[in-house]
Structures are given as C-alpha cells and as structure tokens.
C-alpha cells in the first residue's frame, strides 16, 4: 500500500490557515493595538503599516504564493521518496 500526499488539499488547507491568521492579526492590530504587523512586514514584501487596501491585498497575494510553495516543498519530495522505497 502506497501512501501519498495530495498537493491541492494541502495547499488549500495552508491557504485557509494563513489567511485566517493574517486577518485575525490585522483585526487585533486595528482593534486592540497589537503589533502583529511587525511580523507580517518582513514576510510579505509590499505589505505596509498603517494598513492600506493595496498593502492588505499584496499580503494576501504573498500568502497565496506561500500556500503553493510550502506544500510543493513537502508533497513532491515525499511522494517521490515513498514511491522509490515501495518499488
């Protein structure tokens, strides 16, 4: 029996987790004066504080990119290595 990971469900799951975290952090910054924007600024080039619509959308675009990149780093090598061992 060969276990394999699927790219699409992992990418969608990661996108949902990152997007929800992003929105909650920004809401916390705006409502409660948190400083979570300092975490997002180095991770999301183009994201700016004080928050603008463009900066927010650029942040979401980067999160989409990360949610495709990270599963690619995990799923494809894992599937390749487990397939190799099974043969």
C-alpha atoms as a PDB file:
ATOM      1  CA  UNK A   1       0.000   0.000   0.000  1.00  0.00           C
ATOM      2  CA  UNK A   2       1.428   3.338  -1.053  1.00  0.00           C
ATOM      3  CA  UNK A   3       0.640   6.403   0.985  1.00  0.00           C
ATOM      4  CA  UNK A   4       0.882   9.637  -0.904  1.00  0.00           C
ATOM      5  CA  UNK A   5       0.148  13.227  -0.101  1.00  0.00           C
ATOM      6  CA  UNK A   6      -2.057  15.307  -2.344  1.00  0.00           C
ATOM      7  CA  UNK A   7      -0.906  18.771  -3.291  1.00  0.00           C
ATOM      8  CA  UNK A   8      -4.254  20.513  -3.724  1.00  0.00           C
ATOM      9  CA  UNK A   9      -5.823  19.731  -0.315  1.00  0.00           C
ATOM     10  CA  UNK A  10      -2.597  20.641   1.463  1.00  0.00           C
ATOM     11  CA  UNK A  11      -2.306  23.937  -0.433  1.00  0.00           C
ATOM     12  CA  UNK A  12      -5.938  24.868   0.249  1.00  0.00           C
ATOM     13  CA  UNK A  13      -5.612  23.975   3.925  1.00  0.00           C
ATOM     14  CA  UNK A  14      -2.470  26.043   4.286  1.00  0.00           C
ATOM     15  CA  UNK A  15      -4.071  28.992   2.470  1.00  0.00           C
ATOM     16  CA  UNK A  16      -7.073  28.947   4.812  1.00  0.00           C
ATOM     17  CA  UNK A  17      -4.835  28.758   7.897  1.00  0.00           C
ATOM     18  CA  UNK A  18      -2.588  31.586   6.712  1.00  0.00           C
ATOM     19  CA  UNK A  19      -5.455  33.818   5.542  1.00  0.00           C
ATOM     20  CA  UNK A  20      -7.405  33.403   8.788  1.00  0.00           C
ATOM     21  CA  UNK A  21      -4.266  34.096  10.843  1.00  0.00           C
ATOM     22  CA  UNK A  22      -3.481  37.149   8.701  1.00  0.00           C
ATOM     23  CA  UNK A  23      -6.979  38.620   9.056  1.00  0.00           C
ATOM     24  CA  UNK A  24      -7.127  37.912  12.803  1.00  0.00           C
ATOM     25  CA  UNK A  25      -3.716  39.513  13.365  1.00  0.00           C
ATOM     26  CA  UNK A  26      -4.689  42.617  11.403  1.00  0.00           C
ATOM     27  CA  UNK A  27      -8.008  42.830  13.236  1.00  0.00           C
ATOM     28  CA  UNK A  28      -6.135  42.561  16.529  1.00  0.00           C
ATOM     29  CA  UNK A  29      -3.770  45.302  15.428  1.00  0.00           C
ATOM     30  CA  UNK A  30      -6.612  47.619  14.491  1.00  0.00           C
ATOM     31  CA  UNK A  31      -8.942  46.850  17.405  1.00  0.00           C
ATOM     32  CA  UNK A  32      -6.608  46.132  20.307  1.00  0.00           C
ATOM     33  CA  UNK A  33      -3.358  47.850  19.394  1.00  0.00           C
ATOM     34  CA  UNK A  34      -1.373  44.629  18.977  1.00  0.00           C
ATOM     35  CA  UNK A  35       1.849  44.863  16.989  1.00  0.00           C
ATOM     36  CA  UNK A  36       1.493  41.742  14.852  1.00  0.00           C
ATOM     37  CA  UNK A  37       2.045  43.840  11.734  1.00  0.00           C
ATOM     38  CA  UNK A  38       5.741  43.801  12.645  1.00  0.00           C
ATOM     39  CA  UNK A  39       5.730  40.050  11.989  1.00  0.00           C
ATOM     40  CA  UNK A  40       3.999  40.371   8.621  1.00  0.00           C
ATOM     41  CA  UNK A  41       6.145  43.233   7.256  1.00  0.00           C
ATOM     42  CA  UNK A  42       9.343  41.197   6.680  1.00  0.00           C
ATOM     43  CA  UNK A  43       7.413  38.133   5.459  1.00  0.00           C
ATOM     44  CA  UNK A  44       5.186  39.941   2.964  1.00  0.00           C
ATOM     45  CA  UNK A  45       7.047  42.426   0.746  1.00  0.00           C
ATOM     46  CA  UNK A  46       4.729  45.258  -0.203  1.00  0.00           C
ATOM     47  CA  UNK A  47       2.690  44.994   2.987  1.00  0.00           C
ATOM     48  CA  UNK A  48       2.681  48.369   4.704  1.00  0.00           C
ATOM     49  CA  UNK A  49       1.524  49.739   8.017  1.00  0.00           C
ATOM     50  CA  UNK A  50      -0.589  51.841   8.514  1.00  0.00           C
ATOM     51  CA  UNK A  51      -2.836  49.491   6.628  1.00  0.00           C
ATOM     52  CA  UNK A  52      -3.933  50.317   3.101  1.00  0.00           C
ATOM     53  CA  UNK A  53      -6.163  48.332   0.783  1.00  0.00           C
ATOM     54  CA  UNK A  54      -3.275  47.738  -1.592  1.00  0.00           C
ATOM     55  CA  UNK A  55      -0.969  46.590   1.191  1.00  0.00           C
ATOM     56  CA  UNK A  56      -3.621  44.226   2.527  1.00  0.00           C
ATOM     57  CA  UNK A  57      -4.217  42.685  -0.913  1.00  0.00           C
ATOM     58  CA  UNK A  58      -0.490  42.335  -1.603  1.00  0.00           C
ATOM     59  CA  UNK A  59      -0.220  40.495   1.708  1.00  0.00           C
ATOM     60  CA  UNK A  60      -2.965  38.103   0.600  1.00  0.00           C
ATOM     61  CA  UNK A  61      -1.196  37.523  -2.724  1.00  0.00           C
ATOM     62  CA  UNK A  62       2.001  36.610  -0.891  1.00  0.00           C
ATOM     63  CA  UNK A  63       0.034  34.209   1.286  1.00  0.00           C
ATOM     64  CA  UNK A  64      -1.331  32.515  -1.831  1.00  0.00           C
ATOM     65  CA  UNK A  65       2.221  32.156  -3.102  1.00  0.00           C
ATOM     66  CA  UNK A  66       3.428  30.722   0.206  1.00  0.00           C
ATOM     67  CA  UNK A  67       0.483  28.323   0.304  1.00  0.00           C
ATOM     68  CA  UNK A  68       1.594  26.935  -3.075  1.00  0.00           C
ATOM     69  CA  UNK A  69       5.334  26.948  -2.377  1.00  0.00           C
ATOM     70  CA  UNK A  70       5.368  25.229   1.022  1.00  0.00           C
ATOM     71  CA  UNK A  71       3.246  22.205   0.003  1.00  0.00           C
ATOM     72  CA  UNK A  72       5.393  21.837  -3.131  1.00  0.00           C
ATOM     73  CA  UNK A  73       8.448  21.552  -0.881  1.00  0.00           C
ATOM     74  CA  UNK A  74       6.737  18.832   1.144  1.00  0.00           C
ATOM     75  CA  UNK A  75       4.394  16.874  -1.137  1.00  0.00           C
ATOM     76  CA  UNK A  76       6.522  16.243  -4.231  1.00  0.00           C
ATOM     77  CA  UNK A  77       9.690  15.053  -2.467  1.00  0.00           C
ATOM     78  CA  UNK A  78       7.634  12.965  -0.033  1.00  0.00           C
ATOM     79  CA  UNK A  79       5.696  11.258  -2.818  1.00  0.00           C
ATOM     80  CA  UNK A  80       8.877  10.684  -4.815  1.00  0.00           C
ATOM     81  CA  UNK A  81      10.767   9.183  -1.878  1.00  0.00           C
ATOM     82  CA  UNK A  82       7.911   6.962  -0.702  1.00  0.00           C
ATOM     83  CA  UNK A  83       7.317   5.735  -4.244  1.00  0.00           C
ATOM     84  CA  UNK A  84      11.024   4.943  -4.624  1.00  0.00           C
ATOM     85  CA  UNK A  85      11.076   2.918  -1.432  1.00  0.00           C
ATOM     86  CA  UNK A  86       7.968   0.946  -2.438  1.00  0.00           C
ATOM     87  CA  UNK A  87       9.467  -0.163  -5.762  1.00  0.00           C
END
